[in-house]
Amino acid sequence: GTYLALQGFVLQLDDKDQKAIALAIITVVIAAGTYVWRQRRGV
């Protein structure tokens, strides 16, 4: 859900390189956060 919300903003950018960098950063941050969040939720 977080990714979809952020992707909606990023895809409005005109520059394809900016889109790629922003989406890559968002993906890495959310992936790392997912691991930590699941650990804190008791997995």
PDB file of all heavy atoms in Angstrom:
ATOM      1  N   GLY A   1       0.815  -1.212   0.000  1.00  0.00           N
ATOM      2  CA  GLY A   1       0.000   0.000   0.000  1.00  0.00           C
ATOM      3  C   GLY A   1       0.844   1.255   0.000  1.00  0.00           C
ATOM      4  O   GLY A   1       0.558   2.224  -0.718  1.00  0.00           O
ATOM      5  N   THR A   2       1.890   1.258   0.805  1.00  0.00           N
ATOM      6  CA  THR A   2       2.798   2.402   0.857  1.00  0.00           C
ATOM      7  C   THR A   2       3.476   2.608  -0.488  1.00  0.00           C
ATOM      8  O   THR A   2       3.562   3.735  -0.993  1.00  0.00           O
ATOM      9  CB  THR A   2       3.855   2.196   1.965  1.00  0.00           C
ATOM     10  OG1 THR A   2       3.176   2.010   3.210  1.00  0.00           O
ATOM     11  CG2 THR A   2       4.803   3.383   2.053  1.00  0.00           C
ATOM     12  N   TYR A   3       3.925   1.517  -1.087  1.00  0.00           N
ATOM     13  CA  TYR A   3       4.595   1.614  -2.385  1.00  0.00           C
ATOM     14  C   TYR A   3       3.642   2.190  -3.436  1.00  0.00           C
ATOM     15  O   TYR A   3       4.016   3.076  -4.208  1.00  0.00           O
ATOM     16  CB  TYR A   3       5.119   0.248  -2.834  1.00  0.00           C
ATOM     17  CG  TYR A   3       5.855   0.331  -4.143  1.00  0.00           C
ATOM     18  CD1 TYR A   3       7.210   0.629  -4.178  1.00  0.00           C
ATOM     19  CD2 TYR A   3       5.198   0.163  -5.357  1.00  0.00           C
ATOM     20  CE1 TYR A   3       7.889   0.746  -5.373  1.00  0.00           C
ATOM     21  CE2 TYR A   3       5.859   0.277  -6.563  1.00  0.00           C
ATOM     22  CZ  TYR A   3       7.210   0.570  -6.565  1.00  0.00           C
ATOM     23  OH  TYR A   3       7.867   0.701  -7.757  1.00  0.00           O
ATOM     24  N   LEU A   4       2.416   1.681  -3.478  1.00  0.00           N
ATOM     25  CA  LEU A   4       1.454   2.168  -4.480  1.00  0.00           C
ATOM     26  C   LEU A   4       1.193   3.661  -4.323  1.00  0.00           C
ATOM     27  O   LEU A   4       1.109   4.391  -5.327  1.00  0.00           O
ATOM     28  CB  LEU A   4       0.139   1.398  -4.377  1.00  0.00           C
ATOM     29  CG  LEU A   4       0.127   0.010  -4.993  1.00  0.00           C
ATOM     30  CD1 LEU A   4      -1.207  -0.670  -4.712  1.00  0.00           C
ATOM     31  CD2 LEU A   4       0.386   0.072  -6.491  1.00  0.00           C
ATOM     32  N   ALA A   5       1.059   4.122  -3.088  1.00  0.00           N
ATOM     33  CA  ALA A   5       0.810   5.540  -2.850  1.00  0.00           C
ATOM     34  C   ALA A   5       1.986   6.388  -3.339  1.00  0.00           C
ATOM     35  O   ALA A   5       1.789   7.402  -4.031  1.00  0.00           O
ATOM     36  CB  ALA A   5       0.551   5.785  -1.370  1.00  0.00           C
ATOM     37  N   LEU A   6       3.196   5.984  -3.006  1.00  0.00           N
ATOM     38  CA  LEU A   6       4.378   6.744  -3.413  1.00  0.00           C
ATOM     39  C   LEU A   6       4.625   6.650  -4.915  1.00  0.00           C
ATOM     40  O   LEU A   6       5.028   7.636  -5.554  1.00  0.00           O
ATOM     41  CB  LEU A   6       5.603   6.272  -2.628  1.00  0.00           C
ATOM     42  CG  LEU A   6       5.561   6.575  -1.131  1.00  0.00           C
ATOM     43  CD1 LEU A   6       6.738   5.906  -0.418  1.00  0.00           C
ATOM     44  CD2 LEU A   6       5.538   8.069  -0.876  1.00  0.00           C
ATOM     45  N   GLN A   7       4.383   5.492  -5.486  1.00  0.00           N
ATOM     46  CA  GLN A   7       4.569   5.311  -6.928  1.00  0.00           C
ATOM     47  C   GLN A   7       3.672   6.272  -7.709  1.00  0.00           C
ATOM     48  O   GLN A   7       4.071   6.806  -8.740  1.00  0.00           O
ATOM     49  CB  GLN A   7       4.252   3.868  -7.328  1.00  0.00           C
ATOM     50  CG  GLN A   7       4.308   3.642  -8.823  1.00  0.00           C
ATOM     51  CD  GLN A   7       3.811   2.266  -9.215  1.00  0.00           C
ATOM     52  OE1 GLN A   7       4.616   1.429  -9.545  1.00  0.00           O
ATOM     53  NE2 GLN A   7       2.518   2.044  -9.175  1.00  0.00           N
ATOM     54  N   GLY A   8       2.470   6.502  -7.201  1.00  0.00           N
ATOM     55  CA  GLY A   8       1.551   7.427  -7.873  1.00  0.00           C
ATOM     56  C   GLY A   8       2.145   8.814  -8.044  1.00  0.00           C
ATOM     57  O   GLY A   8       1.957   9.466  -9.076  1.00  0.00           O
ATOM     58  N   PHE A   9       2.878   9.285  -7.035  1.00  0.00           N
ATOM     59  CA  PHE A   9       3.543  10.594  -7.141  1.00  0.00           C
ATOM     60  C   PHE A   9       4.717  10.539  -8.106  1.00  0.00           C
ATOM     61  O   PHE A   9       4.889  11.417  -8.945  1.00  0.00           O
ATOM     62  CB  PHE A   9       4.048  11.064  -5.775  1.00  0.00           C
ATOM     63  CG  PHE A   9       2.949  11.340  -4.784  1.00  0.00           C
ATOM     64  CD1 PHE A   9       2.828  10.559  -3.655  1.00  0.00           C
ATOM     65  CD2 PHE A   9       2.050  12.373  -4.989  1.00  0.00           C
ATOM     66  CE1 PHE A   9       1.827  10.810  -2.730  1.00  0.00           C
ATOM     67  CE2 PHE A   9       1.047  12.632  -4.073  1.00  0.00           C
ATOM     68  CZ  PHE A   9       0.933  11.849  -2.942  1.00  0.00           C
ATOM     69  N   VAL A  10       5.527   9.494  -7.963  1.00  0.00           N
ATOM     70  CA  VAL A  10       6.760   9.399  -8.751  1.00  0.00           C
ATOM     71  C   VAL A  10       6.467   9.276 -10.248  1.00  0.00           C
ATOM     72  O   VAL A  10       7.170   9.873 -11.072  1.00  0.00           O
ATOM     73  CB  VAL A  10       7.627   8.220  -8.266  1.00  0.00           C
ATOM     74  CG1 VAL A  10       8.801   7.979  -9.185  1.00  0.00           C
ATOM     75  CG2 VAL A  10       8.107   8.480  -6.844  1.00  0.00           C
ATOM     76  N   LEU A  11       5.452   8.528 -10.611  1.00  0.00           N
ATOM     77  CA  LEU A  11       5.158   8.323 -12.034  1.00  0.00           C
ATOM     78  C   LEU A  11       4.699   9.598 -12.731  1.00  0.00           C
ATOM     79  O   LEU A  11       4.638   9.642 -13.957  1.00  0.00           O
ATOM     80  CB  LEU A  11       4.132   7.203 -12.212  1.00  0.00           C
ATOM     81  CG  LEU A  11       4.644   5.808 -11.864  1.00  0.00           C
ATOM     82  CD1 LEU A  11       3.557   4.765 -12.076  1.00  0.00           C
ATOM     83  CD2 LEU A  11       5.897   5.451 -12.660  1.00  0.00           C
ATOM     84  N   GLN A  12       4.425  10.638 -11.978  1.00  0.00           N
ATOM     85  CA  GLN A  12       4.054  11.922 -12.576  1.00  0.00           C
ATOM     86  C   GLN A  12       5.276  12.727 -13.021  1.00  0.00           C
ATOM     87  O   GLN A  12       5.137  13.724 -13.734  1.00  0.00           O
ATOM     88  CB  GLN A  12       3.218  12.735 -11.593  1.00  0.00           C
ATOM     89  CG  GLN A  12       1.868  12.098 -11.310  1.00  0.00           C
ATOM     90  CD  GLN A  12       1.052  12.889 -10.324  1.00  0.00           C
ATOM     91  OE1 GLN A  12       1.155  14.115 -10.254  1.00  0.00           O
ATOM     92  NE2 GLN A  12       0.234  12.203  -9.556  1.00  0.00           N
ATOM     93  N   LEU A  13       6.473  12.294 -12.612  1.00  0.00           N
ATOM     94  CA  LEU A  13       7.696  12.969 -13.040  1.00  0.00           C
ATOM     95  C   LEU A  13       7.883  12.792 -14.543  1.00  0.00           C
ATOM     96  O   LEU A  13       7.522  11.759 -15.113  1.00  0.00           O
ATOM     97  CB  LEU A  13       8.909  12.402 -12.300  1.00  0.00           C
ATOM     98  CG  LEU A  13       8.949  12.584 -10.783  1.00  0.00           C
ATOM     99  CD1 LEU A  13      10.105  11.782 -10.198  1.00  0.00           C
ATOM    100  CD2 LEU A  13       9.061  14.053 -10.423  1.00  0.00           C
ATOM    101  N   ASP A  14       8.489  13.776 -15.184  1.00  0.00           N
ATOM    102  CA  ASP A  14       8.720  13.706 -16.623  1.00  0.00           C
ATOM    103  C   ASP A  14       9.996  12.952 -16.977  1.00  0.00           C
ATOM    104  O   ASP A  14      10.066  12.276 -17.992  1.00  0.00           O
ATOM    105  CB  ASP A  14       8.794  15.121 -17.223  1.00  0.00           C
ATOM    106  CG  ASP A  14       7.443  15.826 -17.174  1.00  0.00           C
ATOM    107  OD1 ASP A  14       6.413  15.135 -17.281  1.00  0.00           O
ATOM    108  OD2 ASP A  14       7.434  17.061 -17.009  1.00  0.00           O
ATOM    109  N   ASP A  15      11.004  13.059 -16.146  1.00  0.00           N
ATOM    110  CA  ASP A  15      12.309  12.473 -16.430  1.00  0.00           C
ATOM    111  C   ASP A  15      12.334  10.994 -16.051  1.00  0.00           C
ATOM    112  O   ASP A  15      12.121  10.640 -14.891  1.00  0.00           O
ATOM    113  CB  ASP A  15      13.378  13.250 -15.647  1.00  0.00           C
ATOM    114  CG  ASP A  15      14.787  12.820 -16.009  1.00  0.00           C
ATOM    115  OD1 ASP A  15      15.149  11.682 -15.634  1.00  0.00           O
ATOM    116  OD2 ASP A  15      15.496  13.604 -16.643  1.00  0.00           O
ATOM    117  N   LYS A  16      12.630  10.153 -17.029  1.00  0.00           N
ATOM    118  CA  LYS A  16      12.644   8.697 -16.801  1.00  0.00           C
ATOM    119  C   LYS A  16      13.725   8.284 -15.814  1.00  0.00           C
ATOM    120  O   LYS A  16      13.526   7.384 -15.008  1.00  0.00           O
ATOM    121  CB  LYS A  16      12.819   7.965 -18.135  1.00  0.00           C
ATOM    122  CG  LYS A  16      12.510   6.500 -18.068  1.00  0.00           C
ATOM    123  CD  LYS A  16      12.475   5.864 -19.450  1.00  0.00           C
ATOM    124  CE  LYS A  16      12.099   4.410 -19.340  1.00  0.00           C
ATOM    125  NZ  LYS A  16      11.974   3.747 -20.617  1.00  0.00           N
ATOM    126  N   ASP A  17      14.886   8.954 -15.844  1.00  0.00           N
ATOM    127  CA  ASP A  17      15.965   8.643 -14.907  1.00  0.00           C
ATOM    128  C   ASP A  17      15.563   8.995 -13.473  1.00  0.00           C
ATOM    129  O   ASP A  17      15.848   8.240 -12.539  1.00  0.00           O
ATOM    130  CB  ASP A  17      17.257   9.385 -15.280  1.00  0.00           C
ATOM    131  CG  ASP A  17      17.888   8.846 -16.568  1.00  0.00           C
ATOM    132  OD1 ASP A  17      17.600   7.674 -16.924  1.00  0.00           O
ATOM    133  OD2 ASP A  17      18.647   9.587 -17.201  1.00  0.00           O
ATOM    134  N   GLN A  18      14.899  10.126 -13.305  1.00  0.00           N
ATOM    135  CA  GLN A  18      14.418  10.511 -11.977  1.00  0.00           C
ATOM    136  C   GLN A  18      13.405   9.487 -11.462  1.00  0.00           C
ATOM    137  O   GLN A  18      13.430   9.133 -10.283  1.00  0.00           O
ATOM    138  CB  GLN A  18      13.772  11.896 -12.002  1.00  0.00           C
ATOM    139  CG  GLN A  18      14.743  13.035 -12.060  1.00  0.00           C
ATOM    140  CD  GLN A  18      14.029  14.378 -12.021  1.00  0.00           C
ATOM    141  OE1 GLN A  18      12.860  14.499 -12.401  1.00  0.00           O
ATOM    142  NE2 GLN A  18      14.731  15.401 -11.569  1.00  0.00           N
ATOM    143  N   LYS A  19      12.534   9.045 -12.337  1.00  0.00           N
ATOM    144  CA  LYS A  19      11.558   8.017 -11.945  1.00  0.00           C
ATOM    145  C   LYS A  19      12.269   6.758 -11.477  1.00  0.00           C
ATOM    146  O   LYS A  19      11.928   6.188 -10.438  1.00  0.00           O
ATOM    147  CB  LYS A  19      10.639   7.653 -13.118  1.00  0.00           C
ATOM    148  CG  LYS A  19       9.605   8.657 -13.459  1.00  0.00           C
ATOM    149  CD  LYS A  19       8.766   8.122 -14.615  1.00  0.00           C
ATOM    150  CE  LYS A  19       7.935   9.207 -15.242  1.00  0.00           C
ATOM    151  NZ  LYS A  19       7.152   8.699 -16.375  1.00  0.00           N
ATOM    152  N   ALA A  20      13.253   6.317 -12.245  1.00  0.00           N
ATOM    153  CA  ALA A  20      13.977   5.087 -11.914  1.00  0.00           C
ATOM    154  C   ALA A  20      14.680   5.206 -10.569  1.00  0.00           C
ATOM    155  O   ALA A  20      14.596   4.296  -9.730  1.00  0.00           O
ATOM    156  CB  ALA A  20      14.983   4.752 -13.016  1.00  0.00           C
ATOM    157  N   ILE A  21      15.366   6.324 -10.348  1.00  0.00           N
ATOM    158  CA  ILE A  21      16.105   6.519  -9.092  1.00  0.00           C
ATOM    159  C   ILE A  21      15.135   6.594  -7.914  1.00  0.00           C
ATOM    160  O   ILE A  21      15.338   5.943  -6.882  1.00  0.00           O
ATOM    161  CB  ILE A  21      16.995   7.777  -9.174  1.00  0.00           C
ATOM    162  CG1 ILE A  21      18.136   7.550 -10.167  1.00  0.00           C
ATOM    163  CG2 ILE A  21      17.539   8.155  -7.802  1.00  0.00           C
ATOM    164  CD1 ILE A  21      18.890   8.801 -10.568  1.00  0.00           C
ATOM    165  N   ALA A  22      14.082   7.381  -8.062  1.00  0.00           N
ATOM    166  CA  ALA A  22      13.116   7.530  -6.968  1.00  0.00           C
ATOM    167  C   ALA A  22      12.450   6.189  -6.645  1.00  0.00           C
ATOM    168  O   ALA A  22      12.328   5.820  -5.467  1.00  0.00           O
ATOM    169  CB  ALA A  22      12.062   8.573  -7.343  1.00  0.00           C
ATOM    170  N   LEU A  23      12.034   5.454  -7.659  1.00  0.00           N
ATOM    171  CA  LEU A  23      11.387   4.161  -7.412  1.00  0.00           C
ATOM    172  C   LEU A  23      12.366   3.152  -6.819  1.00  0.00           C
ATOM    173  O   LEU A  23      11.983   2.339  -5.977  1.00  0.00           O
ATOM    174  CB  LEU A  23      10.760   3.619  -8.694  1.00  0.00           C
ATOM    175  CG  LEU A  23       9.520   4.372  -9.190  1.00  0.00           C
ATOM    176  CD1 LEU A  23       9.077   3.855 -10.552  1.00  0.00           C
ATOM    177  CD2 LEU A  23       8.392   4.281  -8.175  1.00  0.00           C
ATOM    178  N   ALA A  24      13.631   3.205  -7.232  1.00  0.00           N
ATOM    179  CA  ALA A  24      14.634   2.296  -6.662  1.00  0.00           C
ATOM    180  C   ALA A  24      14.843   2.601  -5.181  1.00  0.00           C
ATOM    181  O   ALA A  24      14.896   1.679  -4.348  1.00  0.00           O
ATOM    182  CB  ALA A  24      15.946   2.405  -7.425  1.00  0.00           C
ATOM    183  N   ILE A  25      14.950   3.881  -4.834  1.00  0.00           N
ATOM    184  CA  ILE A  25      15.139   4.261  -3.430  1.00  0.00           C
ATOM    185  C   ILE A  25      13.925   3.847  -2.599  1.00  0.00           C
ATOM    186  O   ILE A  25      14.063   3.265  -1.518  1.00  0.00           O
ATOM    187  CB  ILE A  25      15.412   5.775  -3.306  1.00  0.00           C
ATOM    188  CG1 ILE A  25      16.786   6.107  -3.890  1.00  0.00           C
ATOM    189  CG2 ILE A  25      15.295   6.245  -1.855  1.00  0.00           C
ATOM    190  CD1 ILE A  25      17.050   7.588  -4.066  1.00  0.00           C
ATOM    191  N   ILE A  26      12.740   4.124  -3.096  1.00  0.00           N
ATOM    192  CA  ILE A  26      11.506   3.751  -2.395  1.00  0.00           C
ATOM    193  C   ILE A  26      11.447   2.242  -2.194  1.00  0.00           C
ATOM    194  O   ILE A  26      11.112   1.754  -1.109  1.00  0.00           O
ATOM    195  CB  ILE A  26      10.274   4.260  -3.173  1.00  0.00           C
ATOM    196  CG1 ILE A  26      10.197   5.790  -3.078  1.00  0.00           C
ATOM    197  CG2 ILE A  26       8.994   3.613  -2.671  1.00  0.00           C
ATOM    198  CD1 ILE A  26       9.218   6.416  -4.064  1.00  0.00           C
ATOM    199  N   THR A  27      11.807   1.489  -3.221  1.00  0.00           N
ATOM    200  CA  THR A  27      11.774   0.019  -3.140  1.00  0.00           C
ATOM    201  C   THR A  27      12.725  -0.492  -2.071  1.00  0.00           C
ATOM    202  O   THR A  27      12.355  -1.338  -1.251  1.00  0.00           O
ATOM    203  CB  THR A  27      12.123  -0.602  -4.511  1.00  0.00           C
ATOM    204  OG1 THR A  27      11.154  -0.154  -5.476  1.00  0.00           O
ATOM    205  CG2 THR A  27      12.118  -2.114  -4.450  1.00  0.00           C
ATOM    206  N   VAL A  28      13.945   0.011  -2.050  1.00  0.00           N
ATOM    207  CA  VAL A  28      14.936  -0.439  -1.072  1.00  0.00           C
ATOM    208  C   VAL A  28      14.506  -0.073   0.347  1.00  0.00           C
ATOM    209  O   VAL A  28      14.590  -0.896   1.262  1.00  0.00           O
ATOM    210  CB  VAL A  28      16.333   0.152  -1.403  1.00  0.00           C
ATOM    211  CG1 VAL A  28      17.307  -0.060  -0.263  1.00  0.00           C
ATOM    212  CG2 VAL A  28      16.864  -0.455  -2.689  1.00  0.00           C
ATOM    213  N   VAL A  29      14.026   1.150   0.539  1.00  0.00           N
ATOM    214  CA  VAL A  29      13.609   1.588   1.871  1.00  0.00           C
ATOM    215  C   VAL A  29      12.433   0.746   2.372  1.00  0.00           C
ATOM    216  O   VAL A  29      12.422   0.284   3.519  1.00  0.00           O
ATOM    217  CB  VAL A  29      13.260   3.096   1.871  1.00  0.00           C
ATOM    218  CG1 VAL A  29      12.557   3.499   3.159  1.00  0.00           C
ATOM    219  CG2 VAL A  29      14.515   3.922   1.654  1.00  0.00           C
ATOM    220  N   ILE A  30      11.444   0.518   1.518  1.00  0.00           N
ATOM    221  CA  ILE A  30      10.284  -0.267   1.944  1.00  0.00           C
ATOM    222  C   ILE A  30      10.661  -1.731   2.158  1.00  0.00           C
ATOM    223  O   ILE A  30      10.166  -2.367   3.100  1.00  0.00           O
ATOM    224  CB  ILE A  30       9.121  -0.118   0.949  1.00  0.00           C
ATOM    225  CG1 ILE A  30       8.603   1.329   0.977  1.00  0.00           C
ATOM    226  CG2 ILE A  30       7.993  -1.093   1.275  1.00  0.00           C
ATOM    227  CD1 ILE A  30       7.529   1.626  -0.059  1.00  0.00           C
ATOM    228  N   ALA A  31      11.531  -2.279   1.332  1.00  0.00           N
ATOM    229  CA  ALA A  31      11.961  -3.674   1.519  1.00  0.00           C
ATOM    230  C   ALA A  31      12.653  -3.843   2.872  1.00  0.00           C
ATOM    231  O   ALA A  31      12.356  -4.779   3.619  1.00  0.00           O
ATOM    232  CB  ALA A  31      12.886  -4.101   0.378  1.00  0.00           C
ATOM    233  N   ALA A  32      13.559  -2.927   3.201  1.00  0.00           N
ATOM    234  CA  ALA A  32      14.234  -2.997   4.504  1.00  0.00           C
ATOM    235  C   ALA A  32      13.234  -2.804   5.640  1.00  0.00           C
ATOM    236  O   ALA A  32      13.271  -3.514   6.651  1.00  0.00           O
ATOM    237  CB  ALA A  32      15.338  -1.943   4.579  1.00  0.00           C
ATOM    238  N   GLY A  33      12.334  -1.861   5.468  1.00  0.00           N
ATOM    239  CA  GLY A  33      11.313  -1.618   6.481  1.00  0.00           C
ATOM    240  C   GLY A  33      10.396  -2.803   6.686  1.00  0.00           C
ATOM    241  O   GLY A  33       9.934  -3.068   7.802  1.00  0.00           O
ATOM    242  N   THR A  34      10.133  -3.537   5.619  1.00  0.00           N
ATOM    243  CA  THR A  34       9.272  -4.723   5.713  1.00  0.00           C
ATOM    244  C   THR A  34       9.896  -5.766   6.619  1.00  0.00           C
ATOM    245  O   THR A  34       9.219  -6.363   7.461  1.00  0.00           O
ATOM    246  CB  THR A  34       9.028  -5.309   4.305  1.00  0.00           C
ATOM    247  OG1 THR A  34       8.300  -4.340   3.545  1.00  0.00           O
ATOM    248  CG2 THR A  34       8.247  -6.596   4.362  1.00  0.00           C
ATOM    249  N   TYR A  35      11.174  -5.991   6.474  1.00  0.00           N
ATOM    250  CA  TYR A  35      11.865  -6.966   7.320  1.00  0.00           C
ATOM    251  C   TYR A  35      11.756  -6.565   8.792  1.00  0.00           C
ATOM    252  O   TYR A  35      11.385  -7.368   9.643  1.00  0.00           O
ATOM    253  CB  TYR A  35      13.334  -7.094   6.909  1.00  0.00           C
ATOM    254  CG  TYR A  35      14.061  -8.161   7.681  1.00  0.00           C
ATOM    255  CD1 TYR A  35      14.111  -9.457   7.207  1.00  0.00           C
ATOM    256  CD2 TYR A  35      14.673  -7.879   8.899  1.00  0.00           C
ATOM    257  CE1 TYR A  35      14.757 -10.449   7.922  1.00  0.00           C
ATOM    258  CE2 TYR A  35      15.319  -8.865   9.616  1.00  0.00           C
ATOM    259  CZ  TYR A  35      15.365 -10.149   9.122  1.00  0.00           C
ATOM    260  OH  TYR A  35      16.001 -11.128   9.843  1.00  0.00           O
ATOM    261  N   VAL A  36      12.061  -5.303   9.073  1.00  0.00           N
ATOM    262  CA  VAL A  36      12.029  -4.811  10.457  1.00  0.00           C
ATOM    263  C   VAL A  36      10.607  -4.842  10.998  1.00  0.00           C
ATOM    264  O   VAL A  36      10.373  -5.262  12.132  1.00  0.00           O
ATOM    265  CB  VAL A  36      12.623  -3.382  10.541  1.00  0.00           C
ATOM    266  CG1 VAL A  36      12.419  -2.779  11.920  1.00  0.00           C
ATOM    267  CG2 VAL A  36      14.096  -3.404  10.160  1.00  0.00           C
ATOM    268  N   TRP A  37       9.639  -4.427  10.202  1.00  0.00           N
ATOM    269  CA  TRP A  37       8.246  -4.384  10.654  1.00  0.00           C
ATOM    270  C   TRP A  37       7.750  -5.789  10.990  1.00  0.00           C
ATOM    271  O   TRP A  37       7.098  -5.988  12.006  1.00  0.00           O
ATOM    272  CB  TRP A  37       7.373  -3.742   9.578  1.00  0.00           C
ATOM    273  CG  TRP A  37       5.946  -3.593   9.980  1.00  0.00           C
ATOM    274  CD1 TRP A  37       5.419  -2.660  10.822  1.00  0.00           C
ATOM    275  CD2 TRP A  37       4.857  -4.404   9.558  1.00  0.00           C
ATOM    276  NE1 TRP A  37       4.073  -2.849  10.948  1.00  0.00           N
ATOM    277  CE2 TRP A  37       3.694  -3.908  10.180  1.00  0.00           C
ATOM    278  CE3 TRP A  37       4.749  -5.497   8.704  1.00  0.00           C
ATOM    279  CZ2 TRP A  37       2.442  -4.478   9.983  1.00  0.00           C
ATOM    280  CZ3 TRP A  37       3.502  -6.064   8.506  1.00  0.00           C
ATOM    281  CH2 TRP A  37       2.374  -5.548   9.141  1.00  0.00           C
ATOM    282  N   ARG A  38       8.067  -6.758  10.146  1.00  0.00           N
ATOM    283  CA  ARG A  38       7.637  -8.131  10.428  1.00  0.00           C
ATOM    284  C   ARG A  38       8.306  -8.673  11.689  1.00  0.00           C
ATOM    285  O   ARG A  38       7.704  -9.404  12.457  1.00  0.00           O
ATOM    286  CB  ARG A  38       7.931  -9.055   9.237  1.00  0.00           C
ATOM    287  CG  ARG A  38       6.988  -8.840   8.058  1.00  0.00           C
ATOM    288  CD  ARG A  38       5.594  -9.284   8.423  1.00  0.00           C
ATOM    289  NE  ARG A  38       4.609  -8.865   7.472  1.00  0.00           N
ATOM    290  CZ  ARG A  38       3.861  -9.677   6.749  1.00  0.00           C
ATOM    291  NH1 ARG A  38       3.996 -10.970   6.851  1.00  0.00           N
ATOM    292  NH2 ARG A  38       2.962  -9.194   5.925  1.00  0.00           N
ATOM    293  N   GLN A  39       9.553  -8.298  11.898  1.00  0.00           N
ATOM    294  CA  GLN A  39      10.240  -8.728  13.121  1.00  0.00           C
ATOM    295  C   GLN A  39       9.547  -8.134  14.340  1.00  0.00           C
ATOM    296  O   GLN A  39       9.300  -8.834  15.328  1.00  0.00           O
ATOM    297  CB  GLN A  39      11.702  -8.298  13.078  1.00  0.00           C
ATOM    298  CG  GLN A  39      12.533  -8.802  14.229  1.00  0.00           C
ATOM    299  CD  GLN A  39      14.003  -8.451  14.054  1.00  0.00           C
ATOM    300  OE1 GLN A  39      14.350  -7.478  13.385  1.00  0.00           O
ATOM    301  NE2 GLN A  39      14.851  -9.243  14.643  1.00  0.00           N
ATOM    302  N   ARG A  40       9.208  -6.876  14.278  1.00  0.00           N
ATOM    303  CA  ARG A  40       8.529  -6.216  15.403  1.00  0.00           C
ATOM    304  C   ARG A  40       7.108  -6.717  15.605  1.00  0.00           C
ATOM    305  O   ARG A  40       6.575  -6.604  16.705  1.00  0.00           O
ATOM    306  CB  ARG A  40       8.525  -4.701  15.195  1.00  0.00           C
ATOM    307  CG  ARG A  40       9.902  -4.121  15.350  1.00  0.00           C
ATOM    308  CD  ARG A  40       9.887  -2.630  15.265  1.00  0.00           C
ATOM    309  NE  ARG A  40      11.240  -2.130  15.449  1.00  0.00           N
ATOM    310  CZ  ARG A  40      11.589  -0.893  15.210  1.00  0.00           C
ATOM    311  NH1 ARG A  40      10.701  -0.023  14.789  1.00  0.00           N
ATOM    312  NH2 ARG A  40      12.834  -0.511  15.402  1.00  0.00           N
ATOM    313  N   ARG A  41       6.495  -7.247  14.558  1.00  0.00           N
ATOM    314  CA  ARG A  41       5.144  -7.801  14.668  1.00  0.00           C
ATOM    315  C   ARG A  41       5.155  -9.250  15.147  1.00  0.00           C
ATOM    316  O   ARG A  41       4.132  -9.908  15.195  1.00  0.00           O
ATOM    317  CB  ARG A  41       4.408  -7.726  13.326  1.00  0.00           C
ATOM    318  CG  ARG A  41       3.998  -6.343  12.890  1.00  0.00           C
ATOM    319  CD  ARG A  41       2.893  -5.747  13.735  1.00  0.00           C
ATOM    320  NE  ARG A  41       1.746  -6.594  13.865  1.00  0.00           N
ATOM    321  CZ  ARG A  41       0.592  -6.417  13.274  1.00  0.00           C
ATOM    322  NH1 ARG A  41       0.420  -5.386  12.487  1.00  0.00           N
ATOM    323  NH2 ARG A  41      -0.400  -7.254  13.466  1.00  0.00           N
ATOM    324  N   GLY A  42       6.335  -9.774  15.468  1.00  0.00           N
ATOM    325  CA  GLY A  42       6.415 -11.091  16.084  1.00  0.00           C
ATOM    326  C   GLY A  42       6.667 -12.255  15.146  1.00  0.00           C
ATOM    327  O   GLY A  42       6.530 -13.405  15.553  1.00  0.00           O
ATOM    328  N   VAL A  43       7.040 -12.005  13.894  1.00  0.00           N
ATOM    329  CA  VAL A  43       7.389 -13.106  12.998  1.00  0.00           C
ATOM    330  C   VAL A  43       8.730 -13.646  13.472  1.00  0.00           C
ATOM    331  O   VAL A  43       9.737 -12.944  13.454  1.00  0.00           O
ATOM    332  CB  VAL A  43       7.437 -12.657  11.522  1.00  0.00           C
ATOM    333  CG1 VAL A  43       7.931 -13.786  10.638  1.00  0.00           C
ATOM    334  CG2 VAL A  43       6.059 -12.190  11.079  1.00  0.00           C
TER     335      VAL A  43
END
